[in-house]
Amino acid sequence: MAKREKNTAQAGAGERADRFPQSANQGTLRSAREQIVFLYFLIVGIFGKVIMNTAGLDFISFGILCALVGFTGYNDTLLLQVLTGHPALIRVITYVCLIFLPYPAISFFASAAGSSRSKLVPASLVLCLANFAVQVLLTYRGVSDYYYLVNISHALILLALAVIVFLLVRAIRRHTIQKELLRSLTVGLAALVAGVAVDIVRYYILQSYGSSSYTRIGVLVFTLMIGVYLFREQTRVLKLKQQENAQFINEITTAFAKVIDMKDSYTNGHSSRVAKYTAMLSRELGYDEETVEKYYRIALLHDVGKIGVPKAVLNKPGKLTDEEFDIIKSHTVKGYEVLKDISIMPELAVGAQSHHERSDGKGYPNRLKTGEIPRVAQIIAVADCFDAVYSNRPYRKRMNFDKAVSIIREVSGTQLTGDVVDAFLRLVEKGEFRDPNDQGGGSTENIESIRK
């Protein structure tokens, strides 16, 4: 019977290959496509442990599933049967692949459903092995052969689909599966079930023996859905990582700002106020919220170099000597040295280094002019200057608000950048910057006597 089947299959295969060479070649290419998918997911499964752990999917099982489906497709690729000269062998291989399909399918969906250790996974392997052993034994003894026993494999595939649905439903009830993954799996599984159902109907009703075209289409749709999910998942993970980095920067900069203000008792709260003013000015200048947030963080650490300034000099009341003032000015260089190696936000060092540069080139430490001063440093300079005159110190009261504003206006274009000062003045007109508790009054002393 096996010999007659082989001869008949060879003759039929040769005749149909002559009549439909293009269709046969396309079938071979479609089957080869599944093998490429198999290799891709196998490589990801072996070397992409991080991706597997992040996505919560068993890519090795999925790759094996694609490989088995691809091999079953070779049963209806006549060109391959003719070229090999062994159509019966091709059929046997595809039957074996069909026998083992349930195991990787259940294993993959079990991982997706958070049930990788479910007893259903090894049970499916045992069932596949038992089916294989029975079919080999019956074929070897001549009682039947793979062709007549394929309905058993079909039944087990349908049983596997039922188990998969059970795993997904249980995962939904237990909340062990992400909504995005569930959505992708549901759509992909629906396409896969539809493809399997159509091929089984074609097999039993239309006598389209051995064809698995629609199953392969279902696998293709399922693969695309998994690809979409992986893309979205990696995008989500990257966004989460960015949020974690932003939170980390937020916590570190805030902590450093508190340390700075603790070191300089005369300017307690100065760093946080300058950061707030910098954010206000940045928004007024039209920067987006991401840039505003970044500038806020940079401004928080603009005085970090003061940690390296002797406390006796930093907290000296009254006017500083020239030597002491040079020591104070060194905080810009010291701040740059502290922050320059923070790769996650290299701009942090820029604010610390350049916030005392002047538009006329008379600032420090590098005597930069308007076009050379980093933009964030230009903005911090206005915020820093305003807070220096409009905040209380142990040795003097804060300046009168109107006088403080007039001082900022007077140094526009010389000490401070013109358009940033213009933004400051616009905000003042809107009622910003003035302390809500300011009832008027305040110091009117000459600001030039305050070197700090």
Protein backbone atom coordinates (compact mmCIF):
# COMPACT_ATOMS: atom_id res chain seq x y z
CA MET A 1 0.00 0.00 0.00
CA ALA A 2 2.86 2.35 0.89
CA LYS A 3 4.62 1.60 -2.43
CA ARG A 4 1.43 2.18 -4.44
CA GLU A 5 0.85 5.43 -2.56
CA LYS A 6 4.43 6.54 -3.29
CA ASN A 7 4.14 5.80 -7.04
CA THR A 8 0.76 7.49 -7.25
CA ALA A 9 2.03 10.52 -5.34
CA GLN A 10 5.09 10.79 -7.60
CA ALA A 11 2.99 10.60 -10.75
CA GLY A 12 0.40 13.01 -9.47
CA ALA A 13 3.04 15.39 -8.21
CA GLY A 14 4.90 15.38 -11.52
CA GLU A 15 1.74 15.98 -13.53
CA ARG A 16 0.52 18.82 -11.32
CA ALA A 17 3.97 20.42 -11.18
CA ASP A 18 4.01 20.59 -15.00
CA ARG A 19 0.61 22.24 -14.98
CA PHE A 20 1.17 24.65 -12.08
CA PRO A 21 4.92 25.36 -11.80
CA GLN A 22 4.43 28.99 -10.74
CA SER A 23 1.91 28.12 -8.04
CA ALA A 24 4.18 25.36 -6.71
CA ASN A 25 7.13 27.70 -6.59
CA GLN A 26 5.08 30.27 -4.68
CA GLY A 27 4.08 27.58 -2.20
CA THR A 28 7.73 26.74 -1.61
CA LEU A 29 8.55 30.38 -1.04
CA ARG A 30 5.67 30.77 1.41
CA SER A 31 6.87 27.76 3.37
CA ALA A 32 10.43 29.05 3.35
CA ARG A 33 9.14 32.29 4.81
CA GLU A 34 8.02 30.45 7.95
CA GLN A 35 11.52 28.99 8.27
CA ILE A 36 13.01 32.48 8.20
CA VAL A 37 10.57 33.55 10.91
CA PHE A 38 11.56 30.44 12.88
CA LEU A 39 15.27 31.31 12.66
CA TYR A 40 14.60 34.91 13.70
CA PHE A 41 12.64 34.01 16.82
CA LEU A 42 15.04 31.18 17.65
CA ILE A 43 17.95 33.64 17.62
CA VAL A 44 15.96 36.12 19.70
CA GLY A 45 15.04 33.34 22.10
CA ILE A 46 18.63 32.19 22.54
CA PHE A 47 20.42 35.54 22.65
CA GLY A 48 17.64 37.97 23.60
CA LYS A 49 17.02 36.97 27.19
CA VAL A 50 16.36 40.58 28.16
CA ILE A 51 13.70 40.96 25.47
CA MET A 52 12.13 37.64 26.43
CA ASN A 53 12.01 38.59 30.09
CA THR A 54 10.62 42.03 29.32
CA ALA A 55 7.95 40.80 26.92
CA GLY A 56 7.13 37.70 28.97
CA LEU A 57 7.07 35.47 25.87
CA ASP A 58 8.77 32.19 25.03
CA PHE A 59 10.20 33.08 21.62
CA ILE A 60 11.92 29.71 21.23
CA SER A 61 8.57 27.92 21.34
CA PHE A 62 7.10 30.45 18.94
CA GLY A 63 10.02 29.97 16.55
CA ILE A 64 9.60 26.18 16.66
CA LEU A 65 5.87 26.61 16.01
CA CYS A 66 6.65 28.70 12.90
CA ALA A 67 9.17 26.09 11.75
CA LEU A 68 6.69 23.22 12.09
CA VAL A 69 3.96 25.14 10.25
CA GLY A 70 6.44 26.01 7.54
CA PHE A 71 7.46 22.38 7.09
CA THR A 72 3.85 21.22 6.91
CA GLY A 73 3.46 23.61 4.00
CA TYR A 74 5.99 21.66 1.98
CA ASN A 75 3.41 18.88 1.64
CA ASP A 76 1.50 20.94 -0.93
CA THR A 77 4.54 22.47 -2.67
CA LEU A 78 4.73 20.21 -5.68
CA LEU A 79 7.91 21.74 -7.01
CA LEU A 80 9.86 20.67 -3.94
CA GLN A 81 8.45 17.14 -4.15
CA VAL A 82 9.50 16.83 -7.78
CA LEU A 83 12.95 18.30 -7.22
CA THR A 84 13.72 15.98 -4.30
CA GLY A 85 12.29 12.96 -6.07
CA HIS A 86 10.89 11.77 -2.74
CA PRO A 87 7.33 13.08 -2.38
CA ALA A 88 6.50 10.31 0.12
CA LEU A 89 9.38 11.44 2.34
CA ILE A 90 8.18 15.04 2.15
CA ARG A 91 4.73 13.88 3.20
CA VAL A 92 6.08 11.88 6.14
CA ILE A 93 8.08 14.88 7.39
CA THR A 94 5.05 17.15 7.17
CA TYR A 95 2.90 14.62 9.03
CA VAL A 96 5.49 14.48 11.82
CA CYS A 97 5.51 18.27 12.00
CA LEU A 98 1.74 18.22 12.20
CA ILE A 99 1.92 15.74 15.09
CA PHE A 100 4.14 18.02 17.19
CA LEU A 101 2.38 21.35 16.54
CA PRO A 102 0.34 21.36 19.79
CA TYR A 103 3.36 21.35 22.12
CA PRO A 104 5.14 24.61 21.06
CA ALA A 105 1.75 26.29 20.60
CA ILE A 106 0.67 25.53 24.17
CA SER A 107 4.15 26.30 25.52
CA PHE A 108 4.17 29.73 23.87
CA PHE A 109 0.68 30.71 25.02
CA ALA A 110 1.38 29.40 28.52
CA SER A 111 4.35 31.80 28.75
CA ALA A 112 2.20 34.66 27.47
CA ALA A 113 -0.50 33.85 30.02
CA GLY A 114 1.98 33.71 32.90
CA SER A 115 1.56 29.94 33.26
CA SER A 116 4.94 28.68 32.03
CA ARG A 117 5.03 26.07 34.79
CA SER A 118 1.55 24.76 34.05
CA LYS A 119 1.31 20.97 33.89
CA LEU A 120 -0.53 21.37 30.61
CA VAL A 121 2.78 22.15 28.87
CA PRO A 122 4.58 18.84 29.62
CA ALA A 123 1.26 17.01 29.21
CA SER A 124 0.98 18.34 25.64
CA LEU A 125 4.50 17.09 24.89
CA VAL A 126 3.66 13.64 26.26
CA LEU A 127 0.49 13.58 24.15
CA CYS A 128 2.42 14.54 21.01
CA LEU A 129 5.04 11.86 21.64
CA ALA A 130 2.34 9.27 22.24
CA ASN A 131 0.60 10.24 19.01
CA PHE A 132 3.89 10.00 17.15
CA ALA A 133 4.69 6.58 18.62
CA VAL A 134 1.24 5.21 17.75
CA GLN A 135 1.39 6.47 14.18
CA VAL A 136 4.91 5.10 13.62
CA LEU A 137 3.93 1.73 15.09
CA LEU A 138 0.72 1.41 13.03
CA THR A 139 2.49 2.50 9.86
CA TYR A 140 5.41 0.13 10.46
CA ARG A 141 3.10 -2.86 11.03
CA GLY A 142 1.04 -1.99 7.96
CA VAL A 143 -2.17 -1.56 9.90
CA SER A 144 -2.52 2.01 8.65
CA ASP A 145 -0.25 4.94 7.75
CA TYR A 146 0.28 8.60 8.50
CA TYR A 147 -2.13 9.68 5.77
CA TYR A 148 -5.09 7.87 7.31
CA LEU A 149 -4.14 8.87 10.84
CA VAL A 150 -3.90 12.61 10.16
CA ASN A 151 -7.36 13.10 11.65
CA ILE A 152 -5.87 12.24 15.05
CA SER A 153 -3.35 15.07 14.64
CA HIS A 154 -6.15 17.40 13.58
CA ALA A 155 -8.13 16.49 16.68
CA LEU A 156 -5.13 17.14 18.92
CA ILE A 157 -4.54 20.50 17.23
CA LEU A 158 -8.15 21.48 17.93
CA LEU A 159 -7.69 20.28 21.50
CA ALA A 160 -4.56 22.45 21.78
CA LEU A 161 -6.53 25.47 20.57
CA ALA A 162 -9.12 24.79 23.28
CA VAL A 163 -6.34 24.57 25.89
CA ILE A 164 -4.91 27.86 24.61
CA VAL A 165 -8.28 29.57 24.98
CA PHE A 166 -8.52 28.12 28.50
CA LEU A 167 -5.08 29.51 29.40
CA LEU A 168 -5.97 32.97 28.12
CA VAL A 169 -9.33 33.03 29.91
CA ARG A 170 -7.67 31.94 33.15
CA ALA A 171 -4.98 34.60 32.71
CA ILE A 172 -7.68 37.24 32.28
CA ARG A 173 -9.38 36.16 35.48
CA ARG A 174 -6.10 36.10 37.37
CA HIS A 175 -4.87 39.36 35.83
CA THR A 176 -1.57 37.75 34.83
CA ILE A 177 -1.52 39.06 31.26
CA GLN A 178 -1.07 42.60 29.96
CA LYS A 179 -3.99 44.14 28.11
CA GLU A 180 -1.83 45.08 25.13
CA LEU A 181 -0.46 41.53 24.87
CA LEU A 182 -3.92 40.04 25.29
CA ARG A 183 -5.25 42.23 22.48
CA SER A 184 -2.46 41.16 20.11
CA LEU A 185 -2.79 37.48 21.05
CA THR A 186 -6.57 37.52 20.63
CA VAL A 187 -6.43 38.98 17.13
CA GLY A 188 -3.56 36.73 16.10
CA LEU A 189 -5.18 33.64 17.61
CA ALA A 190 -8.45 34.40 15.83
CA ALA A 191 -6.59 34.52 12.51
CA LEU A 192 -4.75 31.30 13.36
CA VAL A 193 -7.92 29.45 14.38
CA ALA A 194 -9.68 30.64 11.24
CA GLY A 195 -6.79 29.42 9.08
CA VAL A 196 -6.70 26.01 10.78
CA ALA A 197 -10.47 25.64 10.52
CA VAL A 198 -10.51 26.47 6.81
CA ASP A 199 -7.71 24.00 6.06
CA ILE A 200 -9.45 21.23 8.03
CA VAL A 201 -12.71 21.89 6.20
CA ARG A 202 -10.87 21.83 2.87
CA TYR A 203 -9.22 18.57 3.89
CA TYR A 204 -12.38 16.69 4.84
CA ILE A 205 -15.00 18.29 2.61
CA LEU A 206 -13.15 19.58 -0.45
CA GLN A 207 -10.52 16.80 -0.40
CA SER A 208 -7.71 19.38 -0.53
CA TYR A 209 -5.33 16.86 0.98
CA GLY A 210 -2.19 18.13 2.64
CA SER A 211 -2.82 21.81 1.98
CA SER A 212 -2.09 24.20 4.86
CA SER A 213 -2.17 27.49 2.97
CA TYR A 214 -4.70 29.18 5.25
CA THR A 215 -2.96 27.97 8.38
CA ARG A 216 0.23 29.59 7.15
CA ILE A 217 -1.66 32.81 6.48
CA GLY A 218 -2.98 32.65 10.04
CA VAL A 219 0.55 32.15 11.35
CA LEU A 220 1.70 35.14 9.29
CA VAL A 221 -1.05 37.35 10.76
CA PHE A 222 -0.23 36.04 14.23
CA THR A 223 3.46 36.82 13.69
CA LEU A 224 2.61 40.35 12.58
CA MET A 225 0.50 40.89 15.70
CA ILE A 226 3.34 39.65 17.90
CA GLY A 227 5.69 42.01 16.04
CA VAL A 228 3.33 44.93 16.66
CA TYR A 229 3.13 44.02 20.33
CA LEU A 230 6.91 43.75 20.68
CA PHE A 231 7.39 47.14 19.01
CA ARG A 232 4.87 48.79 21.32
CA GLU A 233 6.26 46.97 24.35
CA GLN A 234 9.81 48.08 23.66
CA THR A 235 8.55 51.63 23.09
CA ARG A 236 6.74 51.46 26.43
CA VAL A 237 9.84 50.12 28.17
CA LEU A 238 11.98 52.88 26.68
CA LYS A 239 9.49 55.53 27.81
CA LEU A 240 9.42 53.97 31.27
CA LYS A 241 13.21 54.03 31.35
CA GLN A 242 13.19 57.69 30.36
CA GLN A 243 10.70 58.43 33.12
CA GLU A 244 12.86 56.58 35.63
CA ASN A 245 15.93 58.52 34.46
CA ALA A 246 14.01 61.78 34.74
CA GLN A 247 12.86 60.84 38.24
CA PHE A 248 16.42 59.94 39.18
CA ILE A 249 17.71 63.27 37.89
CA ASN A 250 14.93 65.05 39.73
CA GLU A 251 15.78 63.41 43.04
CA ILE A 252 19.54 63.85 42.66
CA THR A 253 19.39 67.50 41.63
CA THR A 254 16.93 68.34 44.40
CA ALA A 255 19.15 66.62 46.96
CA PHE A 256 22.23 68.44 45.70
CA ALA A 257 20.39 71.76 45.78
CA LYS A 258 19.54 71.20 49.44
CA VAL A 259 23.18 70.39 50.20
CA ILE A 260 24.30 73.58 48.45
CA ASP A 261 21.87 75.74 50.41
CA MET A 262 22.88 74.03 53.66
CA LYS A 263 26.51 74.98 52.97
CA ASP A 264 25.66 78.62 52.26
CA SER A 265 23.44 79.74 55.13
CA TYR A 266 23.18 83.25 53.65
CA THR A 267 21.42 82.04 50.54
CA ASN A 268 19.14 79.36 51.94
CA GLY A 269 16.53 78.43 49.32
CA HIS A 270 18.42 80.35 46.62
CA SER A 271 18.90 77.33 44.32
CA SER A 272 15.23 76.34 44.29
CA ARG A 273 14.10 79.93 43.71
CA VAL A 274 16.53 80.44 40.84
CA ALA A 275 15.32 77.15 39.32
CA LYS A 276 11.70 78.31 39.59
CA TYR A 277 12.51 81.68 38.02
CA THR A 278 14.48 79.95 35.25
CA ALA A 279 11.47 77.77 34.43
CA MET A 280 9.19 80.85 34.33
CA LEU A 281 11.54 82.69 31.98
CA SER A 282 11.98 79.63 29.76
CA ARG A 283 8.23 79.29 29.28
CA GLU A 284 7.90 82.99 28.53
CA LEU A 285 10.63 82.62 25.91
CA GLY A 286 8.58 79.90 24.20
CA TYR A 287 10.47 76.75 25.11
CA ASP A 288 8.61 73.43 25.27
CA GLU A 289 7.95 71.74 28.60
CA GLU A 290 10.73 69.21 28.15
CA THR A 291 13.27 72.00 27.73
CA VAL A 292 11.73 73.98 30.60
CA GLU A 293 12.11 70.95 32.86
CA LYS A 294 15.70 70.44 31.74
CA TYR A 295 16.60 74.07 32.36
CA TYR A 296 14.96 73.87 35.78
CA ARG A 297 17.22 70.94 36.73
CA ILE A 298 20.31 72.72 35.42
CA ALA A 299 19.43 75.84 37.41
CA LEU A 300 18.99 73.80 40.59
CA LEU A 301 22.70 72.90 40.44
CA HIS A 302 24.07 76.19 39.12
CA ASP A 303 25.84 76.87 42.46
CA VAL A 304 27.03 73.32 43.16
CA GLY A 305 30.64 74.55 43.06
CA LYS A 306 30.08 76.47 46.30
CA ILE A 307 30.47 73.16 48.10
CA GLY A 308 34.20 73.53 47.38
CA VAL A 309 34.42 77.09 48.69
CA PRO A 310 35.60 77.52 52.29
CA LYS A 311 32.67 78.18 54.60
CA ALA A 312 34.46 81.09 56.25
CA VAL A 313 34.57 82.91 52.92
CA LEU A 314 31.15 81.75 51.74
CA ASN A 315 29.38 82.91 54.91
CA LYS A 316 31.35 86.07 55.60
CA PRO A 317 28.98 88.94 56.38
CA GLY A 318 29.38 92.18 54.48
CA LYS A 319 31.73 93.10 51.69
CA LEU A 320 34.32 90.65 50.40
CA THR A 321 37.97 91.42 49.73
CA ASP A 322 39.31 90.99 46.20
CA GLU A 323 41.03 87.76 47.22
CA GLU A 324 37.87 86.43 48.82
CA PHE A 325 35.85 87.41 45.78
CA ASP A 326 38.26 85.44 43.56
CA ILE A 327 37.69 82.44 45.80
CA ILE A 328 33.93 82.89 45.45
CA LYS A 329 34.24 83.17 41.66
CA SER A 330 36.03 79.82 41.58
CA HIS A 331 32.70 78.11 42.31
CA THR A 332 31.86 78.22 38.60
CA VAL A 333 34.93 76.19 37.64
CA LYS A 334 34.50 73.87 40.60
CA GLY A 335 30.84 73.32 39.65
CA TYR A 336 31.82 72.48 36.09
CA GLU A 337 34.38 69.94 37.30
CA VAL A 338 31.78 68.29 39.54
CA LEU A 339 29.12 67.96 36.83
CA LYS A 340 31.02 67.55 33.57
CA ASP A 341 31.14 63.74 33.68
CA ILE A 342 27.39 63.23 34.21
CA SER A 343 26.63 61.78 30.77
CA ILE A 344 22.88 61.42 31.33
CA MET A 345 22.57 65.24 31.25
CA PRO A 346 25.82 66.92 30.11
CA GLU A 347 24.14 70.35 30.10
CA LEU A 348 24.21 70.34 33.91
CA ALA A 349 27.84 71.43 33.78
CA VAL A 350 27.09 74.27 31.36
CA GLY A 351 24.78 76.08 33.78
CA ALA A 352 27.23 75.77 36.65
CA GLN A 353 30.14 77.05 34.58
CA SER A 354 28.63 79.95 32.64
CA HIS A 355 25.88 81.56 34.71
CA HIS A 356 28.19 84.45 35.69
CA GLU A 357 29.27 85.24 32.13
CA ARG A 358 28.17 88.68 30.87
CA SER A 359 26.88 89.88 27.54
CA ASP A 360 29.65 92.49 27.35
CA GLY A 361 32.36 89.87 27.89
CA LYS A 362 33.32 91.07 31.39
CA GLY A 363 31.99 88.04 33.23
CA TYR A 364 33.75 84.96 34.51
CA PRO A 365 35.32 82.44 34.26
CA ASN A 366 35.87 82.61 30.47
CA ARG A 367 34.77 86.17 29.58
CA LEU A 368 32.28 84.94 27.02
CA LYS A 369 30.06 87.36 25.10
CA THR A 370 26.37 87.17 24.16
CA GLY A 371 26.74 84.84 21.17
CA GLU A 372 29.10 82.56 23.06
CA ILE A 373 27.18 82.14 26.30
CA PRO A 374 24.99 78.98 26.40
CA ARG A 375 21.30 79.84 26.29
CA VAL A 376 20.46 78.17 29.58
CA ALA A 377 23.24 80.14 31.29
CA GLN A 378 21.80 83.40 29.90
CA ILE A 379 18.43 82.57 31.44
CA ILE A 380 19.89 81.42 34.77
CA ALA A 381 21.91 84.65 34.96
CA VAL A 382 18.75 86.80 34.98
CA ALA A 383 17.04 84.52 37.53
CA ASP A 384 20.20 84.44 39.69
CA CYS A 385 20.68 88.20 39.58
CA PHE A 386 17.07 88.92 40.52
CA ASP A 387 17.10 86.52 43.46
CA ALA A 388 20.42 87.96 44.67
CA VAL A 389 18.84 91.38 45.13
CA TYR A 390 15.28 90.32 46.01
CA SER A 391 15.97 87.93 48.87
CA ASN A 392 16.70 88.51 52.54
CA ARG A 393 20.19 88.00 53.87
CA PRO A 394 21.30 87.95 57.53
CA TYR A 395 23.27 91.16 56.91
CA ARG A 396 20.64 93.05 54.88
CA LYS A 397 17.01 93.05 53.89
CA ARG A 398 15.94 92.28 50.36
CA MET A 399 15.67 95.16 47.95
CA ASN A 400 12.52 97.02 47.14
CA PHE A 401 10.79 95.11 44.34
CA ASP A 402 10.58 98.05 41.95
CA LYS A 403 14.24 98.89 42.51
CA ALA A 404 15.22 95.26 41.96
CA VAL A 405 13.34 95.31 38.66
CA SER A 406 14.98 98.59 37.67
CA ILE A 407 18.43 97.13 38.36
CA ILE A 408 17.69 94.17 36.06
CA ARG A 409 16.46 96.59 33.40
CA GLU A 410 19.56 98.79 33.69
CA VAL A 411 22.03 95.95 33.08
CA SER A 412 20.15 94.58 30.05
CA GLY A 413 22.56 94.18 27.16
CA THR A 414 25.66 94.63 29.29
CA GLN A 415 25.57 92.19 32.18
CA LEU A 416 22.42 90.31 31.15
CA THR A 417 21.09 89.16 27.78
CA GLY A 418 18.54 91.60 26.35
CA ASP A 419 15.74 89.29 25.20
CA VAL A 420 15.83 87.35 28.48
CA VAL A 421 15.48 90.61 30.40
CA ASP A 422 12.58 91.54 28.11
CA ALA A 423 10.89 88.25 29.02
CA PHE A 424 11.50 89.03 32.70
CA LEU A 425 9.89 92.46 32.35
CA ARG A 426 6.87 90.98 30.57
CA LEU A 427 6.37 88.57 33.44
CA VAL A 428 6.71 91.42 35.94
CA GLU A 429 3.93 93.27 34.11
CA LYS A 430 1.77 90.14 34.44
CA GLY A 431 2.27 90.22 38.20
CA GLU A 432 4.92 87.50 38.38
CA PHE A 433 8.13 87.45 40.45
CA ARG A 434 6.76 89.69 43.22
CA ASP A 435 6.51 87.88 46.55
CA PRO A 436 2.82 87.58 47.54
CA ASN A 437 3.81 88.71 51.04
CA ASP A 438 5.62 91.80 49.74
CA GLN A 439 3.84 94.82 51.27
CA GLY A 440 6.28 97.33 49.83
CA GLY A 441 9.39 98.78 51.38
CA GLY A 442 12.68 96.93 51.26
CA SER A 443 16.30 98.00 51.09
CA THR A 444 17.41 100.73 48.67
CA GLU A 445 21.15 100.44 49.30
CA ASN A 446 23.62 100.53 46.46
CA ILE A 447 23.79 97.04 44.92
CA GLU A 448 27.41 97.53 43.86
CA SER A 449 28.45 97.27 47.50
CA ILE A 450 27.27 93.67 47.55
CA ARG A 451 29.96 91.60 45.83
CA LYS A 452 28.39 88.25 46.58
